[in-house]
Amino acid sequence: MWKVLVAICLMGQPCTLFEEDPMKYYHTEEECMIAADKKAKGMMDTFAKYGYYVDSEAHSCQFIVLKNEA
């Protein structure tokens, strides 16, 4: 299973790593990367809407082995 990770760096602030809440898991990396891209773009738009300057952004997916999968 895969989960979305988004890191956003705002001007004058430390970079912050975000995970979905509630946590969503994706069956494939491709499916997760599509969701990560949409999530990152949405977050950047929201920060800009509220007057924050996004210095940089990165998104990716992390492979997670759930207990019932092992």
PDB file of N, CA and C in Angstrom:
ATOM      1  N   MET A   1       0.844  -1.167   0.000  1.00  0.00           N
ATOM      2  CA  MET A   1       0.000   0.000   0.000  1.00  0.00           C
ATOM      3  C   MET A   1       0.898   1.242   0.000  1.00  0.00           C
ATOM      4  N   TRP A   2       0.355   2.316  -0.510  1.00  0.00           N
ATOM      5  CA  TRP A   2       1.096   3.572  -0.644  1.00  0.00           C
ATOM      6  C   TRP A   2       0.345   4.701   0.033  1.00  0.00           C
ATOM      7  N   LYS A   3       1.088   5.662   0.597  1.00  0.00           N
ATOM      8  CA  LYS A   3       0.458   6.846   1.175  1.00  0.00           C
ATOM      9  C   LYS A   3       1.113   8.102   0.624  1.00  0.00           C
ATOM     10  N   VAL A   4       0.332   9.181   0.585  1.00  0.00           N
ATOM     11  CA  VAL A   4       0.751  10.472   0.030  1.00  0.00           C
ATOM     12  C   VAL A   4       1.567  11.255   1.055  1.00  0.00           C
ATOM     13  N   LEU A   5       2.650  11.874   0.588  1.00  0.00           N
ATOM     14  CA  LEU A   5       3.441  12.811   1.375  1.00  0.00           C
ATOM     15  C   LEU A   5       3.591  14.102   0.576  1.00  0.00           C
ATOM     16  N   VAL A   6       3.368  15.230   1.227  1.00  0.00           N
ATOM     17  CA  VAL A   6       3.538  16.535   0.580  1.00  0.00           C
ATOM     18  C   VAL A   6       4.362  17.409   1.510  1.00  0.00           C
ATOM     19  N   ALA A   7       5.446  17.976   0.996  1.00  0.00           N
ATOM     20  CA  ALA A   7       6.273  18.922   1.749  1.00  0.00           C
ATOM     21  C   ALA A   7       6.096  20.302   1.127  1.00  0.00           C
ATOM     22  N   ILE A   8       5.807  21.282   1.982  1.00  0.00           N
ATOM     23  CA  ILE A   8       5.625  22.657   1.509  1.00  0.00           C
ATOM     24  C   ILE A   8       6.500  23.572   2.354  1.00  0.00           C
ATOM     25  N   CYS A   9       7.228  24.446   1.657  1.00  0.00           N
ATOM     26  CA  CYS A   9       8.089  25.428   2.316  1.00  0.00           C
ATOM     27  C   CYS A   9       7.515  26.808   2.035  1.00  0.00           C
ATOM     28  N   LEU A  10       7.094  27.489   3.094  1.00  0.00           N
ATOM     29  CA  LEU A  10       6.567  28.838   2.968  1.00  0.00           C
ATOM     30  C   LEU A  10       7.676  29.834   3.253  1.00  0.00           C
ATOM     31  N   MET A  11       7.650  30.963   2.565  1.00  0.00           N
ATOM     32  CA  MET A  11       8.664  31.998   2.750  1.00  0.00           C
ATOM     33  C   MET A  11       8.707  32.413   4.212  1.00  0.00           C
ATOM     34  N   GLY A  12       9.901  32.318   4.807  1.00  0.00           N
ATOM     35  CA  GLY A  12      10.082  32.731   6.196  1.00  0.00           C
ATOM     36  C   GLY A  12       9.681  31.692   7.226  1.00  0.00           C
ATOM     37  N   GLN A  13       9.269  30.521   6.788  1.00  0.00           N
ATOM     38  CA  GLN A  13       8.834  29.466   7.703  1.00  0.00           C
ATOM     39  C   GLN A  13       9.615  28.186   7.399  1.00  0.00           C
ATOM     40  N   PRO A  14       9.747  27.298   8.374  1.00  0.00           N
ATOM     41  CA  PRO A  14      10.390  26.011   8.082  1.00  0.00           C
ATOM     42  C   PRO A  14       9.486  25.154   7.195  1.00  0.00           C
ATOM     43  N   CYS A  15      10.090  24.262   6.451  1.00  0.00           N
ATOM     44  CA  CYS A  15       9.318  23.351   5.610  1.00  0.00           C
ATOM     45  C   CYS A  15       8.498  22.416   6.492  1.00  0.00           C
ATOM     46  N   THR A  16       7.316  22.051   5.998  1.00  0.00           N
ATOM     47  CA  THR A  16       6.415  21.185   6.750  1.00  0.00           C
ATOM     48  C   THR A  16       6.028  19.997   5.889  1.00  0.00           C
ATOM     49  N   LEU A  17       6.064  18.803   6.481  1.00  0.00           N
ATOM     50  CA  LEU A  17       5.659  17.577   5.799  1.00  0.00           C
ATOM     51  C   LEU A  17       4.226  17.257   6.198  1.00  0.00           C
ATOM     52  N   PHE A  18       3.386  17.051   5.197  1.00  0.00           N
ATOM     53  CA  PHE A  18       1.974  16.757   5.426  1.00  0.00           C
ATOM     54  C   PHE A  18       1.642  15.337   4.970  1.00  0.00           C
ATOM     55  N   GLU A  19       0.722  14.697   5.690  1.00  0.00           N
ATOM     56  CA  GLU A  19       0.127  13.417   5.306  1.00  0.00           C
ATOM     57  C   GLU A  19      -1.378  13.613   5.293  1.00  0.00           C
ATOM     58  N   GLU A  20      -2.085  12.799   4.537  1.00  0.00           N
ATOM     59  CA  GLU A  20      -3.543  12.908   4.504  1.00  0.00           C
ATOM     60  C   GLU A  20      -4.121  12.543   5.874  1.00  0.00           C
ATOM     61  N   ASP A  21      -5.184  13.238   6.246  1.00  0.00           N
ATOM     62  CA  ASP A  21      -5.873  12.963   7.498  1.00  0.00           C
ATOM     63  C   ASP A  21      -7.369  13.082   7.258  1.00  0.00           C
ATOM     64  N   PRO A  22      -8.109  12.003   7.313  1.00  0.00           N
ATOM     65  CA  PRO A  22      -7.667  10.664   7.712  1.00  0.00           C
ATOM     66  C   PRO A  22      -6.772  10.043   6.631  1.00  0.00           C
ATOM     67  N   MET A  23      -5.897   9.161   7.093  1.00  0.00           N
ATOM     68  CA  MET A  23      -4.930   8.511   6.199  1.00  0.00           C
ATOM     69  C   MET A  23      -5.660   7.693   5.133  1.00  0.00           C
ATOM     70  N   LYS A  24      -5.228   7.871   3.892  1.00  0.00           N
ATOM     71  CA  LYS A  24      -5.744   7.072   2.781  1.00  0.00           C
ATOM     72  C   LYS A  24      -4.595   6.249   2.231  1.00  0.00           C
ATOM     73  N   TYR A  25      -4.894   5.033   1.848  1.00  0.00           N
ATOM     74  CA  TYR A  25      -3.874   4.152   1.277  1.00  0.00           C
ATOM     75  C   TYR A  25      -4.250   3.828  -0.163  1.00  0.00           C
ATOM     76  N   TYR A  26      -3.255   3.749  -1.028  1.00  0.00           N
ATOM     77  CA  TYR A  26      -3.457   3.491  -2.450  1.00  0.00           C
ATOM     78  C   TYR A  26      -2.794   2.169  -2.819  1.00  0.00           C
ATOM     79  N   HIS A  27      -3.398   1.452  -3.748  1.00  0.00           N
ATOM     80  CA  HIS A  27      -2.911   0.123  -4.115  1.00  0.00           C
ATOM     81  C   HIS A  27      -1.667   0.155  -4.995  1.00  0.00           C
ATOM     82  N   THR A  28      -1.509   1.207  -5.797  1.00  0.00           N
ATOM     83  CA  THR A  28      -0.350   1.296  -6.688  1.00  0.00           C
ATOM     84  C   THR A  28       0.358   2.637  -6.496  1.00  0.00           C
ATOM     85  N   GLU A  29       1.640   2.670  -6.835  1.00  0.00           N
ATOM     86  CA  GLU A  29       2.395   3.913  -6.756  1.00  0.00           C
ATOM     87  C   GLU A  29       1.840   4.942  -7.733  1.00  0.00           C
ATOM     88  N   GLU A  30       1.445   4.496  -8.918  1.00  0.00           N
ATOM     89  CA  GLU A  30       0.898   5.421  -9.922  1.00  0.00           C
ATOM     90  C   GLU A  30      -0.369   6.098  -9.403  1.00  0.00           C
ATOM     91  N   GLU A  31      -1.266   5.328  -8.829  1.00  0.00           N
ATOM     92  CA  GLU A  31      -2.510   5.866  -8.267  1.00  0.00           C
ATOM     93  C   GLU A  31      -2.183   6.878  -7.153  1.00  0.00           C
ATOM     94  N   CYS A  32      -1.208   6.550  -6.332  1.00  0.00           N
ATOM     95  CA  CYS A  32      -0.801   7.427  -5.235  1.00  0.00           C
ATOM     96  C   CYS A  32      -0.185   8.724  -5.765  1.00  0.00           C
ATOM     97  N   MET A  33       0.668   8.631  -6.783  1.00  0.00           N
ATOM     98  CA  MET A  33       1.318   9.831  -7.329  1.00  0.00           C
ATOM     99  C   MET A  33       0.308  10.788  -7.961  1.00  0.00           C
ATOM    100  N   ILE A  34      -0.724  10.244  -8.583  1.00  0.00           N
ATOM    101  CA  ILE A  34      -1.791  11.090  -9.139  1.00  0.00           C
ATOM    102  C   ILE A  34      -2.486  11.844  -8.002  1.00  0.00           C
ATOM    103  N   ALA A  35      -2.793  11.124  -6.922  1.00  0.00           N
ATOM    104  CA  ALA A  35      -3.436  11.753  -5.760  1.00  0.00           C
ATOM    105  C   ALA A  35      -2.501  12.774  -5.110  1.00  0.00           C
ATOM    106  N   ALA A  36      -1.211  12.462  -5.018  1.00  0.00           N
ATOM    107  CA  ALA A  36      -0.236  13.376  -4.414  1.00  0.00           C
ATOM    108  C   ALA A  36      -0.132  14.669  -5.217  1.00  0.00           C
ATOM    109  N   ASP A  37      -0.135  14.559  -6.536  1.00  0.00           N
ATOM    110  CA  ASP A  37      -0.059  15.740  -7.391  1.00  0.00           C
ATOM    111  C   ASP A  37      -1.282  16.628  -7.191  1.00  0.00           C
ATOM    112  N   LYS A  38      -2.457  16.023  -7.180  1.00  0.00           N
ATOM    113  CA  LYS A  38      -3.699  16.791  -6.969  1.00  0.00           C
ATOM    114  C   LYS A  38      -3.706  17.439  -5.591  1.00  0.00           C
ATOM    115  N   LYS A  39      -3.293  16.686  -4.573  1.00  0.00           N
ATOM    116  CA  LYS A  39      -3.282  17.196  -3.206  1.00  0.00           C
ATOM    117  C   LYS A  39      -2.308  18.371  -3.081  1.00  0.00           C
ATOM    118  N   ALA A  40      -1.111  18.245  -3.656  1.00  0.00           N
ATOM    119  CA  ALA A  40      -0.104  19.306  -3.574  1.00  0.00           C
ATOM    120  C   ALA A  40      -0.576  20.569  -4.281  1.00  0.00           C
ATOM    121  N   LYS A  41      -1.148  20.422  -5.465  1.00  0.00           N
ATOM    122  CA  LYS A  41      -1.646  21.595  -6.197  1.00  0.00           C
ATOM    123  C   LYS A  41      -2.753  22.292  -5.417  1.00  0.00           C
ATOM    124  N   GLY A  42      -3.655  21.509  -4.834  1.00  0.00           N
ATOM    125  CA  GLY A  42      -4.738  22.080  -4.036  1.00  0.00           C
ATOM    126  C   GLY A  42      -4.228  22.822  -2.809  1.00  0.00           C
ATOM    127  N   MET A  43      -3.232  22.242  -2.151  1.00  0.00           N
ATOM    128  CA  MET A  43      -2.665  22.891  -0.970  1.00  0.00           C
ATOM    129  C   MET A  43      -1.948  24.183  -1.344  1.00  0.00           C
ATOM    130  N   MET A  44      -1.204  24.171  -2.445  1.00  0.00           N
ATOM    131  CA  MET A  44      -0.510  25.383  -2.883  1.00  0.00           C
ATOM    132  C   MET A  44      -1.508  26.482  -3.229  1.00  0.00           C
ATOM    133  N   ASP A  45      -2.593  26.121  -3.892  1.00  0.00           N
ATOM    134  CA  ASP A  45      -3.637  27.100  -4.219  1.00  0.00           C
ATOM    135  C   ASP A  45      -4.249  27.691  -2.947  1.00  0.00           C
ATOM    136  N   THR A  46      -4.491  26.840  -1.949  1.00  0.00           N
ATOM    137  CA  THR A  46      -5.079  27.311  -0.691  1.00  0.00           C
ATOM    138  C   THR A  46      -4.140  28.258   0.040  1.00  0.00           C
ATOM    139  N   PHE A  47      -2.857  27.897   0.133  1.00  0.00           N
ATOM    140  CA  PHE A  47      -1.899  28.787   0.785  1.00  0.00           C
ATOM    141  C   PHE A  47      -1.834  30.131   0.055  1.00  0.00           C
ATOM    142  N   ALA A  48      -1.790  30.110  -1.267  1.00  0.00           N
ATOM    143  CA  ALA A  48      -1.736  31.351  -2.049  1.00  0.00           C
ATOM    144  C   ALA A  48      -3.003  32.186  -1.833  1.00  0.00           C
ATOM    145  N   LYS A  49      -4.139  31.522  -1.766  1.00  0.00           N
ATOM    146  CA  LYS A  49      -5.418  32.211  -1.561  1.00  0.00           C
ATOM    147  C   LYS A  49      -5.414  33.003  -0.253  1.00  0.00           C
ATOM    148  N   TYR A  50      -4.743  32.466   0.765  1.00  0.00           N
ATOM    149  CA  TYR A  50      -4.696  33.128   2.063  1.00  0.00           C
ATOM    150  C   TYR A  50      -3.455  34.005   2.244  1.00  0.00           C
ATOM    151  N   GLY A  51      -2.772  34.304   1.139  1.00  0.00           N
ATOM    152  CA  GLY A  51      -1.694  35.281   1.164  1.00  0.00           C
ATOM    153  C   GLY A  51      -0.310  34.764   1.508  1.00  0.00           C
ATOM    154  N   TYR A  52      -0.140  33.451   1.565  1.00  0.00           N
ATOM    155  CA  TYR A  52       1.178  32.896   1.835  1.00  0.00           C
ATOM    156  C   TYR A  52       1.949  32.727   0.531  1.00  0.00           C
ATOM    157  N   TYR A  53       3.262  32.931   0.601  1.00  0.00           N
ATOM    158  CA  TYR A  53       4.116  32.710  -0.561  1.00  0.00           C
ATOM    159  C   TYR A  53       4.773  31.337  -0.412  1.00  0.00           C
ATOM    160  N   VAL A  54       4.472  30.437  -1.338  1.00  0.00           N
ATOM    161  CA  VAL A  54       5.058  29.098  -1.316  1.00  0.00           C
ATOM    162  C   VAL A  54       6.427  29.180  -1.974  1.00  0.00           C
ATOM    163  N   ASP A  55       7.456  28.963  -1.170  1.00  0.00           N
ATOM    164  CA  ASP A  55       8.837  29.017  -1.652  1.00  0.00           C
ATOM    165  C   ASP A  55       9.166  27.775  -2.481  1.00  0.00           C
ATOM    166  N   SER A  56       8.740  26.608  -1.995  1.00  0.00           N
ATOM    167  CA  SER A  56       8.942  25.370  -2.751  1.00  0.00           C
ATOM    168  C   SER A  56       7.964  24.302  -2.272  1.00  0.00           C
ATOM    169  N   GLU A  57       7.802  23.281  -3.111  1.00  0.00           N
ATOM    170  CA  GLU A  57       6.867  22.193  -2.826  1.00  0.00           C
ATOM    171  C   GLU A  57       7.432  20.914  -3.413  1.00  0.00           C
ATOM    172  N   ALA A  58       7.219  19.806  -2.721  1.00  0.00           N
ATOM    173  CA  ALA A  58       7.593  18.490  -3.238  1.00  0.00           C
ATOM    174  C   ALA A  58       6.536  17.495  -2.779  1.00  0.00           C
ATOM    175  N   HIS A  59       6.243  16.532  -3.632  1.00  0.00           N
ATOM    176  CA  HIS A  59       5.286  15.502  -3.240  1.00  0.00           C
ATOM    177  C   HIS A  59       5.771  14.152  -3.738  1.00  0.00           C
ATOM    178  N   SER A  60       5.389  13.133  -2.991  1.00  0.00           N
ATOM    179  CA  SER A  60       5.799  11.777  -3.331  1.00  0.00           C
ATOM    180  C   SER A  60       4.885  10.806  -2.611  1.00  0.00           C
ATOM    181  N   CYS A  61       5.222   9.529  -2.747  1.00  0.00           N
ATOM    182  CA  CYS A  61       4.462   8.485  -2.069  1.00  0.00           C
ATOM    183  C   CYS A  61       5.425   7.570  -1.330  1.00  0.00           C
ATOM    184  N   GLN A  62       4.967   7.069  -0.203  1.00  0.00           N
ATOM    185  CA  GLN A  62       5.775   6.166   0.610  1.00  0.00           C
ATOM    186  C   GLN A  62       5.096   4.811   0.655  1.00  0.00           C
ATOM    187  N   PHE A  63       5.886   3.752   0.424  1.00  0.00           N
ATOM    188  CA  PHE A  63       5.355   2.392   0.484  1.00  0.00           C
ATOM    189  C   PHE A  63       5.236   1.977   1.947  1.00  0.00           C
ATOM    190  N   ILE A  64       4.077   1.465   2.311  1.00  0.00           N
ATOM    191  CA  ILE A  64       3.787   1.047   3.677  1.00  0.00           C
ATOM    192  C   ILE A  64       3.355  -0.410   3.651  1.00  0.00           C
ATOM    193  N   VAL A  65       3.927  -1.206   4.531  1.00  0.00           N
ATOM    194  CA  VAL A  65       3.479  -2.593   4.696  1.00  0.00           C
ATOM    195  C   VAL A  65       2.556  -2.609   5.895  1.00  0.00           C
ATOM    196  N   LEU A  66       1.286  -2.904   5.655  1.00  0.00           N
ATOM    197  CA  LEU A  66       0.328  -3.002   6.743  1.00  0.00           C
ATOM    198  C   LEU A  66       0.449  -4.361   7.410  1.00  0.00           C
ATOM    199  N   LYS A  67       0.088  -4.434   8.673  1.00  0.00           N
ATOM    200  CA  LYS A  67       0.239  -5.669   9.443  1.00  0.00           C
ATOM    201  C   LYS A  67      -0.458  -6.861   8.785  1.00  0.00           C
ATOM    202  N   ASN A  68      -1.625  -6.635   8.209  1.00  0.00           N
ATOM    203  CA  ASN A  68      -2.355  -7.752   7.613  1.00  0.00           C
ATOM    204  C   ASN A  68      -1.800  -8.149   6.244  1.00  0.00           C
ATOM    205  N   GLU A  69      -0.819  -7.391   5.711  1.00  0.00           N
ATOM    206  CA  GLU A  69      -0.203  -7.724   4.425  1.00  0.00           C
ATOM    207  C   GLU A  69       1.054  -8.582   4.589  1.00  0.00           C
ATOM    208  N   ALA A  70       1.674  -8.505   5.750  1.00  0.00           N
ATOM    209  CA  ALA A  70       2.960  -9.199   5.969  1.00  0.00           C
ATOM    210  C   ALA A  70       2.753 -10.689   6.163  1.00  0.00           C
TER     211      ALA A  70
END
